[in-house]
N, C-alpha and C. Protein backbone atom coordinates (compact mmCIF):
# COMPACT_ATOMS: atom_id res chain seq x y z
N MET A 1 70.60 10.27 45.29
CA MET A 1 71.50 9.19 45.74
C MET A 1 72.87 9.37 45.08
N PRO A 2 73.95 9.38 45.87
CA PRO A 2 75.29 9.48 45.27
C PRO A 2 75.54 8.36 44.26
N GLU A 3 76.23 8.70 43.19
CA GLU A 3 76.43 7.73 42.11
C GLU A 3 77.15 6.46 42.57
N PHE A 4 78.08 6.60 43.52
CA PHE A 4 78.87 5.44 43.93
C PHE A 4 78.05 4.41 44.71
N ILE A 5 76.87 4.79 45.19
CA ILE A 5 76.03 3.84 45.92
C ILE A 5 75.68 2.66 45.01
N LYS A 6 75.44 2.94 43.75
CA LYS A 6 75.15 1.86 42.80
C LYS A 6 76.34 0.92 42.67
N ASP A 7 77.55 1.46 42.67
CA ASP A 7 78.75 0.62 42.62
C ASP A 7 78.84 -0.27 43.86
N LEU A 8 78.52 0.31 45.02
CA LEU A 8 78.52 -0.47 46.25
C LEU A 8 77.49 -1.59 46.19
N GLU A 9 76.29 -1.27 45.70
CA GLU A 9 75.25 -2.28 45.59
C GLU A 9 75.71 -3.45 44.71
N ILE A 10 76.32 -3.14 43.58
CA ILE A 10 76.78 -4.20 42.66
C ILE A 10 77.84 -5.06 43.33
N LEU A 11 78.78 -4.43 44.01
CA LEU A 11 79.83 -5.18 44.71
C LEU A 11 79.22 -6.13 45.74
N LEU A 12 78.33 -5.60 46.57
CA LEU A 12 77.77 -6.41 47.65
C LEU A 12 76.89 -7.54 47.12
N ARG A 13 76.24 -7.31 46.01
CA ARG A 13 75.33 -8.30 45.45
C ARG A 13 76.05 -9.38 44.65
N THR A 14 77.22 -9.07 44.09
CA THR A 14 77.85 -9.99 43.13
C THR A 14 79.18 -10.57 43.57
N HIS A 15 79.77 -10.07 44.65
CA HIS A 15 81.10 -10.58 45.01
C HIS A 15 81.04 -12.06 45.38
N SER A 16 82.13 -12.78 45.14
CA SER A 16 82.18 -14.20 45.46
C SER A 16 82.37 -14.40 46.95
N ALA A 17 82.16 -15.62 47.39
CA ALA A 17 82.31 -15.95 48.81
C ALA A 17 83.76 -15.76 49.28
N LEU A 18 84.70 -15.71 48.34
CA LEU A 18 86.11 -15.55 48.69
C LEU A 18 86.48 -14.10 48.95
N VAL A 19 85.60 -13.18 48.60
CA VAL A 19 85.87 -11.75 48.77
C VAL A 19 85.19 -11.26 50.06
N ASP A 20 85.96 -10.60 50.90
CA ASP A 20 85.44 -10.01 52.13
C ASP A 20 85.43 -8.50 51.96
N PRO A 21 84.26 -7.89 51.76
CA PRO A 21 84.23 -6.43 51.56
C PRO A 21 84.86 -5.65 52.69
N LYS A 22 84.81 -6.20 53.91
CA LYS A 22 85.39 -5.49 55.05
C LYS A 22 86.89 -5.31 54.89
N LYS A 23 87.52 -6.18 54.09
CA LYS A 23 88.96 -6.11 53.87
C LYS A 23 89.33 -5.64 52.47
N SER A 24 88.43 -5.83 51.51
CA SER A 24 88.81 -5.66 50.10
C SER A 24 87.95 -4.67 49.33
N LEU A 25 87.18 -3.85 50.01
CA LEU A 25 86.32 -2.91 49.30
C LEU A 25 87.12 -2.01 48.37
N HIS A 26 88.29 -1.57 48.84
CA HIS A 26 89.11 -0.65 48.03
C HIS A 26 89.58 -1.30 46.74
N VAL A 27 89.77 -2.62 46.76
CA VAL A 27 90.23 -3.33 45.56
C VAL A 27 89.14 -3.28 44.49
N TYR A 28 87.90 -3.47 44.90
CA TYR A 28 86.80 -3.40 43.94
C TYR A 28 86.74 -2.05 43.25
N PHE A 29 86.96 -0.99 44.01
CA PHE A 29 86.83 0.35 43.42
C PHE A 29 87.93 0.64 42.40
N ASN A 30 88.95 -0.23 42.32
CA ASN A 30 89.94 -0.09 41.26
C ASN A 30 89.30 -0.20 39.88
N ARG A 31 88.15 -0.87 39.80
CA ARG A 31 87.46 -1.05 38.52
C ARG A 31 86.59 0.15 38.15
N THR A 32 86.48 1.12 39.02
CA THR A 32 85.64 2.29 38.78
C THR A 32 86.52 3.53 38.59
N ASP A 33 85.87 4.66 38.41
CA ASP A 33 86.61 5.92 38.27
C ASP A 33 87.02 6.50 39.62
N TYR A 34 86.53 5.90 40.70
CA TYR A 34 86.84 6.42 42.04
C TYR A 34 88.18 5.87 42.55
N GLY A 35 88.76 6.61 43.47
CA GLY A 35 89.88 6.10 44.25
C GLY A 35 89.37 5.69 45.61
N CYS A 36 89.92 4.64 46.19
CA CYS A 36 89.46 4.16 47.50
C CYS A 36 90.66 3.66 48.29
N VAL A 37 90.75 4.09 49.54
CA VAL A 37 91.87 3.72 50.41
C VAL A 37 91.31 3.12 51.69
N LYS A 38 91.85 1.99 52.09
CA LYS A 38 91.48 1.34 53.35
C LYS A 38 92.25 1.97 54.50
N ASP A 39 91.59 2.09 55.65
CA ASP A 39 92.23 2.61 56.87
C ASP A 39 92.88 3.97 56.64
N TYR A 40 92.10 4.89 56.11
CA TYR A 40 92.61 6.23 55.79
C TYR A 40 92.71 7.06 57.07
N PRO A 41 93.88 7.67 57.35
CA PRO A 41 94.06 8.43 58.59
C PRO A 41 93.34 9.78 58.53
N VAL A 42 92.62 10.11 59.59
CA VAL A 42 91.92 11.40 59.64
C VAL A 42 92.31 12.22 60.87
N ALA A 43 93.08 11.65 61.79
CA ALA A 43 93.53 12.41 62.95
C ALA A 43 94.72 11.69 63.58
N ILE A 44 95.60 12.50 64.19
CA ILE A 44 96.77 11.95 64.88
C ILE A 44 96.96 12.74 66.18
N VAL A 45 97.48 12.08 67.20
CA VAL A 45 97.67 12.73 68.49
C VAL A 45 98.49 14.01 68.31
N HIS A 46 98.15 15.04 69.06
CA HIS A 46 98.78 16.36 68.86
C HIS A 46 100.04 16.55 69.71
N ASP A 47 99.99 16.12 70.96
CA ASP A 47 101.03 16.47 71.94
C ASP A 47 101.53 15.21 72.61
N GLN A 48 102.85 15.11 72.78
CA GLN A 48 103.42 13.93 73.43
C GLN A 48 102.90 13.73 74.85
N LYS A 49 102.43 14.80 75.50
CA LYS A 49 101.89 14.69 76.85
C LYS A 49 100.62 13.83 76.89
N ARG A 50 100.00 13.66 75.74
CA ARG A 50 98.78 12.84 75.65
C ARG A 50 99.10 11.35 75.52
N ILE A 51 100.34 11.03 75.24
CA ILE A 51 100.74 9.63 75.03
C ILE A 51 101.12 9.03 76.38
N LYS A 52 100.27 8.20 76.92
CA LYS A 52 100.42 7.73 78.30
C LYS A 52 101.31 6.50 78.42
N GLU A 53 101.32 5.64 77.40
CA GLU A 53 102.12 4.41 77.49
C GLU A 53 103.57 4.72 77.10
N GLU A 54 104.49 4.30 77.93
CA GLU A 54 105.91 4.60 77.69
C GLU A 54 106.41 3.99 76.39
N ASP A 55 105.96 2.76 76.08
CA ASP A 55 106.43 2.14 74.84
C ASP A 55 105.92 2.89 73.61
N ALA A 56 104.69 3.39 73.68
CA ALA A 56 104.16 4.16 72.56
C ALA A 56 104.90 5.49 72.41
N LEU A 57 105.19 6.13 73.55
CA LEU A 57 105.92 7.40 73.51
C LEU A 57 107.32 7.20 72.93
N GLN A 58 107.97 6.15 73.35
CA GLN A 58 109.32 5.87 72.83
C GLN A 58 109.27 5.55 71.34
N TYR A 59 108.19 4.91 70.90
CA TYR A 59 108.06 4.63 69.46
C TYR A 59 108.02 5.94 68.68
N PHE A 60 107.22 6.89 69.15
CA PHE A 60 107.14 8.18 68.47
C PHE A 60 108.50 8.88 68.47
N LYS A 61 109.18 8.84 69.59
CA LYS A 61 110.45 9.56 69.69
C LYS A 61 111.56 8.90 68.87
N LYS A 62 111.69 7.60 68.98
CA LYS A 62 112.77 6.89 68.28
C LYS A 62 112.62 6.96 66.77
N ASN A 63 111.38 7.11 66.32
CA ASN A 63 111.14 7.17 64.87
C ASN A 63 110.94 8.60 64.37
N TYR A 64 111.29 9.56 65.23
CA TYR A 64 111.28 10.98 64.85
C TYR A 64 109.90 11.42 64.34
N LEU A 65 108.89 11.00 65.07
CA LEU A 65 107.52 11.31 64.68
C LEU A 65 106.97 12.54 65.40
N LEU A 66 107.81 13.15 66.26
CA LEU A 66 107.45 14.36 66.98
C LEU A 66 108.50 15.43 66.71
N ASP A 67 108.10 16.71 66.74
CA ASP A 67 109.09 17.76 66.55
C ASP A 67 109.85 18.01 67.85
N GLU A 68 110.74 18.97 67.84
CA GLU A 68 111.62 19.20 69.00
C GLU A 68 110.85 19.66 70.23
N ASP A 69 109.62 20.15 70.02
CA ASP A 69 108.80 20.58 71.16
C ASP A 69 107.82 19.49 71.61
N GLY A 70 107.88 18.32 70.97
CA GLY A 70 107.04 17.21 71.38
C GLY A 70 105.67 17.18 70.73
N PHE A 71 105.50 17.91 69.63
CA PHE A 71 104.22 17.93 68.93
C PHE A 71 104.32 17.12 67.63
N SER A 72 103.19 16.58 67.22
CA SER A 72 103.17 15.84 65.95
C SER A 72 103.25 16.82 64.78
N TYR A 73 103.60 16.27 63.62
CA TYR A 73 103.76 17.09 62.42
C TYR A 73 102.43 17.24 61.67
N ASP A 74 102.42 18.17 60.74
CA ASP A 74 101.23 18.37 59.91
C ASP A 74 101.11 17.31 58.82
N GLU A 75 102.22 16.72 58.43
CA GLU A 75 102.22 15.73 57.36
C GLU A 75 103.17 14.59 57.74
N TYR A 76 102.84 13.39 57.25
CA TYR A 76 103.68 12.20 57.45
C TYR A 76 103.69 11.38 56.17
N PRO A 77 104.80 10.70 55.89
CA PRO A 77 104.77 9.72 54.80
C PRO A 77 103.78 8.61 55.10
N LYS A 78 103.23 8.04 54.07
CA LYS A 78 102.23 6.98 54.22
C LYS A 78 102.74 5.84 55.09
N ASP A 79 104.00 5.45 54.92
CA ASP A 79 104.56 4.34 55.69
C ASP A 79 104.57 4.64 57.18
N ASP A 80 104.88 5.88 57.55
CA ASP A 80 104.88 6.25 58.96
C ASP A 80 103.48 6.15 59.56
N LEU A 81 102.48 6.61 58.82
CA LEU A 81 101.09 6.54 59.32
C LEU A 81 100.65 5.10 59.49
N GLU A 82 101.03 4.23 58.56
CA GLU A 82 100.67 2.82 58.66
C GLU A 82 101.33 2.18 59.88
N ARG A 83 102.58 2.54 60.14
CA ARG A 83 103.28 1.96 61.29
C ARG A 83 102.73 2.48 62.61
N ILE A 84 102.34 3.75 62.64
CA ILE A 84 101.70 4.27 63.86
C ILE A 84 100.42 3.49 64.15
N ALA A 85 99.65 3.20 63.12
CA ALA A 85 98.41 2.43 63.29
C ALA A 85 98.69 1.03 63.82
N THR A 86 99.86 0.50 63.49
CA THR A 86 100.23 -0.84 63.96
C THR A 86 100.79 -0.83 65.37
N TYR A 87 101.69 0.10 65.65
CA TYR A 87 102.43 0.08 66.92
C TYR A 87 101.87 1.02 67.99
N ALA A 88 101.06 2.00 67.59
CA ALA A 88 100.47 2.92 68.57
C ALA A 88 99.06 3.29 68.12
N PRO A 89 98.17 2.30 67.95
CA PRO A 89 96.86 2.55 67.34
C PRO A 89 95.96 3.49 68.12
N LYS A 90 96.20 3.65 69.42
CA LYS A 90 95.39 4.56 70.22
C LYS A 90 95.59 6.01 69.82
N TYR A 91 96.69 6.29 69.11
CA TYR A 91 97.08 7.67 68.86
C TYR A 91 96.96 8.08 67.40
N ILE A 92 96.15 7.34 66.68
CA ILE A 92 95.79 7.71 65.31
C ILE A 92 94.36 7.26 65.07
N GLN A 93 93.61 8.05 64.33
CA GLN A 93 92.24 7.68 63.96
C GLN A 93 92.19 7.39 62.47
N ASN A 94 91.78 6.18 62.13
CA ASN A 94 91.57 5.81 60.74
C ASN A 94 90.09 5.52 60.50
N VAL A 95 89.59 5.89 59.34
CA VAL A 95 88.25 5.47 58.94
C VAL A 95 88.36 4.16 58.17
N GLY A 96 87.25 3.41 58.10
CA GLY A 96 87.30 2.12 57.43
C GLY A 96 87.80 2.24 56.00
N PHE A 97 87.12 3.09 55.22
CA PHE A 97 87.53 3.37 53.84
C PHE A 97 87.23 4.83 53.53
N ILE A 98 88.09 5.44 52.74
CA ILE A 98 87.80 6.76 52.21
C ILE A 98 87.64 6.63 50.71
N LEU A 99 86.64 7.28 50.17
CA LEU A 99 86.39 7.26 48.73
C LEU A 99 86.72 8.64 48.18
N ALA A 100 87.51 8.67 47.11
CA ALA A 100 87.91 9.93 46.48
C ALA A 100 87.27 10.06 45.11
N THR A 101 87.16 11.29 44.63
CA THR A 101 86.50 11.55 43.36
C THR A 101 87.33 11.06 42.17
N THR A 102 88.66 10.90 42.36
CA THR A 102 89.53 10.40 41.30
C THR A 102 90.49 9.37 41.89
N LYS A 103 91.29 8.75 41.04
CA LYS A 103 92.28 7.78 41.51
C LYS A 103 93.39 8.44 42.33
N ASP A 104 93.54 9.74 42.16
CA ASP A 104 94.57 10.47 42.89
C ASP A 104 94.02 10.87 44.26
N VAL A 105 94.09 9.94 45.20
CA VAL A 105 93.52 10.17 46.54
C VAL A 105 94.44 11.14 47.30
N PRO A 106 93.91 12.26 47.78
CA PRO A 106 94.76 13.23 48.49
C PRO A 106 95.39 12.63 49.74
N GLU A 107 96.66 12.96 49.96
CA GLU A 107 97.32 12.55 51.20
C GLU A 107 96.82 13.45 52.34
N PRO A 108 96.60 12.89 53.53
CA PRO A 108 96.08 13.72 54.62
C PRO A 108 97.12 14.69 55.16
N THR A 109 96.69 15.90 55.46
CA THR A 109 97.49 16.85 56.24
C THR A 109 96.67 17.22 57.46
N PHE A 110 97.34 17.44 58.58
CA PHE A 110 96.67 17.58 59.86
C PHE A 110 96.89 18.97 60.46
N PHE A 111 95.93 19.42 61.28
CA PHE A 111 96.11 20.68 61.99
C PHE A 111 95.35 20.62 63.30
N ASN A 112 95.76 21.44 64.24
CA ASN A 112 95.04 21.59 65.51
C ASN A 112 94.57 23.01 65.63
N LYS A 113 93.34 23.17 66.09
CA LYS A 113 92.76 24.51 66.21
C LYS A 113 93.29 25.23 67.44
N PHE A 114 93.44 24.47 68.55
CA PHE A 114 93.91 25.05 69.80
C PHE A 114 95.12 24.28 70.30
N LYS A 115 95.96 24.95 71.06
CA LYS A 115 97.20 24.35 71.54
C LYS A 115 96.94 23.10 72.38
N GLY A 116 95.85 23.10 73.15
CA GLY A 116 95.57 21.99 74.04
C GLY A 116 94.78 20.85 73.42
N ASP A 117 94.52 20.91 72.12
CA ASP A 117 93.75 19.86 71.47
C ASP A 117 94.41 18.49 71.61
N TYR A 118 93.59 17.48 71.82
CA TYR A 118 94.11 16.11 71.88
C TYR A 118 94.55 15.64 70.50
N TRP A 119 93.73 15.95 69.48
CA TRP A 119 93.99 15.46 68.13
C TRP A 119 94.38 16.59 67.18
N LYS A 120 95.25 16.26 66.24
CA LYS A 120 95.40 17.03 65.02
C LYS A 120 94.54 16.33 63.98
N LYS A 121 93.65 17.08 63.33
CA LYS A 121 92.69 16.48 62.42
C LYS A 121 92.95 16.94 60.98
N ILE A 122 92.41 16.19 60.02
CA ILE A 122 92.67 16.55 58.64
C ILE A 122 92.15 17.96 58.34
N GLN A 123 92.94 18.67 57.53
CA GLN A 123 92.65 20.07 57.26
C GLN A 123 91.55 20.25 56.21
N SER A 124 91.43 19.29 55.31
CA SER A 124 90.53 19.48 54.18
C SER A 124 90.02 18.14 53.68
N VAL A 125 88.82 18.16 53.10
CA VAL A 125 88.29 16.96 52.43
C VAL A 125 88.16 17.22 50.93
N GLU A 126 88.87 18.21 50.43
CA GLU A 126 88.85 18.48 48.99
C GLU A 126 89.33 17.24 48.24
N GLY A 127 88.56 16.82 47.27
CA GLY A 127 88.89 15.62 46.50
C GLY A 127 88.36 14.33 47.10
N LEU A 128 87.78 14.41 48.31
CA LEU A 128 87.23 13.23 48.96
C LEU A 128 85.71 13.19 48.78
N GLU A 129 85.18 12.00 48.58
CA GLU A 129 83.76 11.83 48.28
C GLU A 129 82.96 11.30 49.47
N ALA A 130 83.53 10.31 50.19
CA ALA A 130 82.73 9.65 51.23
C ALA A 130 83.61 8.89 52.21
N VAL A 131 83.08 8.74 53.41
CA VAL A 131 83.62 7.81 54.41
C VAL A 131 82.72 6.58 54.41
N ILE A 132 83.32 5.40 54.35
CA ILE A 132 82.55 4.15 54.37
C ILE A 132 83.03 3.30 55.53
N ASP A 133 82.14 2.95 56.43
CA ASP A 133 82.45 2.05 57.54
C ASP A 133 81.60 0.80 57.43
N ILE A 134 82.21 -0.34 57.69
CA ILE A 134 81.51 -1.63 57.60
C ILE A 134 81.58 -2.34 58.94
N SER A 135 80.44 -2.80 59.43
CA SER A 135 80.36 -3.54 60.68
C SER A 135 79.79 -4.93 60.42
N ALA A 136 80.25 -5.91 61.17
CA ALA A 136 79.69 -7.26 61.12
C ALA A 136 78.91 -7.49 62.40
N LEU A 137 77.60 -7.67 62.28
CA LEU A 137 76.74 -7.97 63.43
C LEU A 137 76.13 -9.35 63.24
N THR A 138 75.24 -9.74 64.12
CA THR A 138 74.65 -11.08 64.08
C THR A 138 73.14 -10.99 63.94
N PRO A 139 72.49 -12.09 63.57
CA PRO A 139 71.02 -12.08 63.50
C PRO A 139 70.37 -11.78 64.84
N GLU A 140 71.10 -12.01 65.94
CA GLU A 140 70.54 -11.80 67.27
C GLU A 140 70.80 -10.40 67.82
N THR A 141 71.56 -9.58 67.13
CA THR A 141 71.87 -8.24 67.64
C THR A 141 70.57 -7.44 67.81
N SER A 142 70.37 -6.88 69.00
CA SER A 142 69.14 -6.14 69.29
C SER A 142 69.17 -4.77 68.65
N ALA A 143 68.01 -4.14 68.56
CA ALA A 143 67.93 -2.79 68.01
C ALA A 143 68.78 -1.81 68.81
N CYS A 144 68.78 -1.96 70.11
CA CYS A 144 69.58 -1.06 70.95
C CYS A 144 71.08 -1.26 70.71
N GLU A 145 71.49 -2.49 70.50
CA GLU A 145 72.90 -2.77 70.21
C GLU A 145 73.29 -2.25 68.83
N VAL A 146 72.39 -2.38 67.87
CA VAL A 146 72.64 -1.81 66.54
C VAL A 146 72.81 -0.30 66.64
N GLU A 147 71.90 0.32 67.37
CA GLU A 147 71.97 1.78 67.52
C GLU A 147 73.25 2.21 68.23
N ASP A 148 73.63 1.49 69.26
CA ASP A 148 74.87 1.82 69.98
C ASP A 148 76.07 1.76 69.04
N ALA A 149 76.11 0.72 68.20
CA ALA A 149 77.23 0.57 67.27
C ALA A 149 77.27 1.72 66.28
N LEU A 150 76.10 2.08 65.73
CA LEU A 150 76.05 3.16 64.76
C LEU A 150 76.38 4.50 65.39
N ARG A 151 75.81 4.81 66.53
CA ARG A 151 76.05 6.11 67.16
C ARG A 151 77.51 6.28 67.55
N ALA A 152 78.17 5.19 67.97
CA ALA A 152 79.59 5.27 68.31
C ALA A 152 80.42 5.67 67.10
N ILE A 153 80.09 5.10 65.94
CA ILE A 153 80.81 5.44 64.71
C ILE A 153 80.52 6.88 64.30
N ILE A 154 79.25 7.28 64.33
CA ILE A 154 78.89 8.64 63.93
C ILE A 154 79.57 9.67 64.82
N ARG A 155 79.56 9.44 66.13
CA ARG A 155 80.21 10.39 67.05
C ARG A 155 81.69 10.53 66.71
N LYS A 156 82.33 9.40 66.47
CA LYS A 156 83.76 9.43 66.17
C LYS A 156 84.03 10.19 64.88
N ARG A 157 83.21 9.97 63.88
CA ARG A 157 83.42 10.65 62.60
C ARG A 157 83.12 12.14 62.71
N LYS A 158 82.08 12.50 63.48
CA LYS A 158 81.75 13.91 63.61
C LYS A 158 82.78 14.68 64.43
N GLU A 159 83.58 13.98 65.23
CA GLU A 159 84.66 14.65 65.96
C GLU A 159 85.66 15.28 64.99
N VAL A 160 85.81 14.67 63.82
CA VAL A 160 86.70 15.22 62.79
C VAL A 160 85.84 16.10 61.90
N HIS A 161 85.85 17.39 62.17
CA HIS A 161 84.85 18.29 61.63
C HIS A 161 84.80 18.31 60.10
N GLN A 162 85.95 18.15 59.46
CA GLN A 162 85.96 18.18 57.99
C GLN A 162 85.12 17.03 57.41
N LEU A 163 85.07 15.91 58.11
CA LEU A 163 84.32 14.76 57.59
C LEU A 163 82.82 15.04 57.52
N LYS A 164 82.35 16.01 58.28
CA LYS A 164 80.92 16.35 58.25
C LYS A 164 80.48 16.84 56.88
N LYS A 165 81.44 17.25 56.06
CA LYS A 165 81.11 17.86 54.76
C LYS A 165 80.89 16.83 53.66
N ILE A 166 81.27 15.57 53.90
CA ILE A 166 81.18 14.56 52.84
C ILE A 166 80.17 13.47 53.24
N THR A 167 79.91 12.58 52.31
CA THR A 167 78.93 11.52 52.54
C THR A 167 79.46 10.49 53.53
N PHE A 168 78.58 10.01 54.37
CA PHE A 168 78.90 8.93 55.31
C PHE A 168 78.05 7.72 54.95
N VAL A 169 78.69 6.56 54.84
CA VAL A 169 78.00 5.31 54.52
C VAL A 169 78.28 4.29 55.60
N TRP A 170 77.23 3.64 56.09
CA TRP A 170 77.40 2.53 57.03
C TRP A 170 76.82 1.28 56.41
N ILE A 171 77.64 0.23 56.36
CA ILE A 171 77.22 -1.06 55.84
C ILE A 171 77.30 -2.08 56.97
N VAL A 172 76.25 -2.86 57.14
CA VAL A 172 76.25 -3.92 58.14
C VAL A 172 76.14 -5.26 57.42
N GLU A 173 77.06 -6.16 57.74
CA GLU A 173 77.06 -7.51 57.17
C GLU A 173 76.50 -8.50 58.18
N ILE A 174 75.55 -9.32 57.73
CA ILE A 174 74.91 -10.31 58.59
C ILE A 174 74.93 -11.67 57.90
N ASN A 175 75.31 -12.70 58.63
CA ASN A 175 75.12 -14.06 58.13
C ASN A 175 73.68 -14.45 58.44
N GLY A 176 72.80 -14.22 57.49
CA GLY A 176 71.37 -14.42 57.71
C GLY A 176 70.66 -13.08 57.56
N GLU A 177 69.76 -12.79 58.47
CA GLU A 177 69.02 -11.53 58.44
C GLU A 177 68.85 -11.00 59.85
N ASN A 178 68.52 -9.72 59.96
CA ASN A 178 68.25 -9.10 61.25
C ASN A 178 67.22 -8.01 61.04
N GLU A 179 66.04 -8.20 61.55
CA GLU A 179 64.93 -7.27 61.31
C GLU A 179 65.09 -5.96 62.09
N ASN A 180 66.02 -5.91 63.04
CA ASN A 180 66.22 -4.69 63.82
C ASN A 180 67.02 -3.63 63.06
N ILE A 181 67.88 -4.08 62.16
CA ILE A 181 68.78 -3.14 61.49
C ILE A 181 68.01 -2.14 60.61
N PRO A 182 67.04 -2.57 59.79
CA PRO A 182 66.29 -1.58 59.01
C PRO A 182 65.59 -0.53 59.87
N THR A 183 65.12 -0.93 61.05
CA THR A 183 64.46 0.02 61.94
C THR A 183 65.42 1.13 62.35
N VAL A 184 66.63 0.74 62.74
CA VAL A 184 67.62 1.72 63.17
C VAL A 184 68.08 2.57 61.99
N MET A 185 68.31 1.93 60.86
CA MET A 185 68.78 2.68 59.69
C MET A 185 67.74 3.69 59.22
N LYS A 186 66.47 3.31 59.21
CA LYS A 186 65.41 4.25 58.82
C LYS A 186 65.38 5.46 59.75
N HIS A 187 65.65 5.22 61.02
CA HIS A 187 65.62 6.31 62.01
C HIS A 187 66.71 7.34 61.70
N TYR A 188 67.91 6.88 61.36
CA TYR A 188 69.04 7.79 61.18
C TYR A 188 69.26 8.22 59.72
N PHE A 189 68.93 7.34 58.77
CA PHE A 189 69.20 7.65 57.37
C PHE A 189 67.93 7.92 56.55
N LYS A 190 66.75 7.87 57.19
CA LYS A 190 65.47 8.12 56.51
C LYS A 190 65.31 7.16 55.32
N ASP A 191 65.13 7.71 54.13
CA ASP A 191 64.91 6.86 52.95
C ASP A 191 66.21 6.46 52.25
N SER A 192 67.32 6.90 52.77
CA SER A 192 68.61 6.59 52.14
C SER A 192 69.16 5.28 52.69
N THR A 193 68.43 4.19 52.43
CA THR A 193 68.82 2.87 52.90
C THR A 193 68.61 1.85 51.79
N MET A 194 69.27 0.71 51.96
CA MET A 194 69.18 -0.34 50.95
C MET A 194 69.51 -1.68 51.61
N VAL A 195 68.86 -2.75 51.15
CA VAL A 195 69.16 -4.11 51.61
C VAL A 195 69.62 -4.91 50.39
N VAL A 196 70.77 -5.57 50.53
CA VAL A 196 71.36 -6.32 49.41
C VAL A 196 71.62 -7.75 49.88
N LYS A 197 71.14 -8.71 49.11
CA LYS A 197 71.35 -10.12 49.42
C LYS A 197 72.47 -10.70 48.56
N ASN A 198 73.27 -11.55 49.17
CA ASN A 198 74.31 -12.27 48.44
C ASN A 198 74.49 -13.62 49.11
N GLY A 199 73.89 -14.66 48.54
CA GLY A 199 73.96 -15.98 49.16
C GLY A 199 73.32 -15.95 50.53
N ARG A 200 74.06 -16.43 51.52
CA ARG A 200 73.54 -16.47 52.89
C ARG A 200 73.68 -15.14 53.60
N LYS A 201 74.39 -14.20 53.00
CA LYS A 201 74.66 -12.94 53.68
C LYS A 201 73.67 -11.86 53.25
N THR A 202 73.37 -11.00 54.21
CA THR A 202 72.56 -9.82 53.93
C THR A 202 73.39 -8.59 54.30
N TYR A 203 73.36 -7.62 53.39
CA TYR A 203 74.05 -6.35 53.64
C TYR A 203 73.01 -5.25 53.77
N TYR A 204 73.06 -4.55 54.88
CA TYR A 204 72.17 -3.41 55.12
C TYR A 204 73.03 -2.15 54.96
N MET A 205 72.59 -1.23 54.12
CA MET A 205 73.38 -0.04 53.84
C MET A 205 72.55 1.21 54.05
N GLY A 206 73.13 2.18 54.74
CA GLY A 206 72.50 3.48 54.92
C GLY A 206 73.52 4.57 54.67
N TRP A 207 73.08 5.72 54.18
CA TRP A 207 74.03 6.80 53.90
C TRP A 207 73.39 8.15 54.17
N SER A 208 74.25 9.11 54.47
CA SER A 208 73.83 10.50 54.66
C SER A 208 74.75 11.39 53.85
N ASP A 209 74.17 12.25 53.03
CA ASP A 209 74.95 13.14 52.17
C ASP A 209 74.54 14.58 52.45
N PRO A 210 75.33 15.26 53.36
CA PRO A 210 76.57 14.84 53.99
C PRO A 210 76.35 14.25 55.39
N LEU A 211 77.46 13.89 56.02
CA LEU A 211 77.43 13.32 57.38
C LEU A 211 76.73 14.24 58.36
N GLN A 212 76.97 15.54 58.25
CA GLN A 212 76.44 16.47 59.26
C GLN A 212 74.92 16.49 59.32
N ASP A 213 74.25 15.95 58.30
CA ASP A 213 72.78 15.96 58.30
C ASP A 213 72.16 14.91 59.21
N ILE A 214 72.97 14.00 59.73
CA ILE A 214 72.42 12.97 60.63
C ILE A 214 72.04 13.61 61.96
N ASN A 215 70.78 13.44 62.36
CA ASN A 215 70.28 13.99 63.61
C ASN A 215 70.52 12.99 64.74
N MET A 216 71.32 13.41 65.71
CA MET A 216 71.66 12.54 66.85
C MET A 216 70.79 12.84 68.07
N ARG A 217 69.84 13.74 67.93
CA ARG A 217 69.07 14.18 69.09
C ARG A 217 68.09 13.12 69.58
N TYR A 218 67.55 12.35 68.65
CA TYR A 218 66.51 11.37 69.01
C TYR A 218 67.04 9.95 68.88
N PHE A 219 66.48 9.06 69.72
CA PHE A 219 66.97 7.70 69.83
C PHE A 219 65.88 6.69 69.43
N VAL A 220 66.32 5.54 68.97
CA VAL A 220 65.44 4.37 68.87
C VAL A 220 65.23 3.81 70.27
N CYS A 221 66.32 3.73 71.01
CA CYS A 221 66.29 3.25 72.40
C CYS A 221 66.77 4.38 73.30
N PRO A 222 65.86 5.23 73.77
CA PRO A 222 66.28 6.37 74.60
C PRO A 222 67.02 5.92 75.85
N PRO A 223 68.07 6.65 76.24
CA PRO A 223 68.80 6.31 77.47
C PRO A 223 67.88 6.37 78.68
N GLU A 224 68.11 5.47 79.61
CA GLU A 224 67.26 5.45 80.81
C GLU A 224 67.70 6.51 81.81
């Protein structure tokens, strides 16, 4: 079990009702040796031809976010990436949280393998420990709906090939309990799961070290 899982368990079990892990997980990690960044960028649109909305295209152009040939750059200042996520969110991919091995969280640099690629993706995960995504579901969410939510996240993360090399963590927050979530988590994460109670909330956590080890071939709810 990765060492930081214990830190996650403590946070989820002890945080006050005023703390929302979905928004403040990175703040908690300030107390540990890890670095943690919320909404960490892992991919950006490669070619202006992929930007279909005129207002989004003009945003990229007016803010000099494309080179003279209409392609995105390999690197951007943090402020530019944050503004792209605000004003053109379809054209950047952020993960919920990225966990780094030290407080010095590497800035993302992007590359495209082929000229026609839709995305430029991060070149390296050196210095990065894990991707953490948090979902809020309900006590009534069915097993099939839980699986759909998880598979959508896994597919998106596996699209960024470098992320396959590091740990992936999925946390589900429930006001109450949901007996379907452990079933789905056991299917995809095997024994790497945990249930944490905090007042009226239940947190279900599963992880794969690394992400690429998750088998997507078999389903809890096979497609019809």
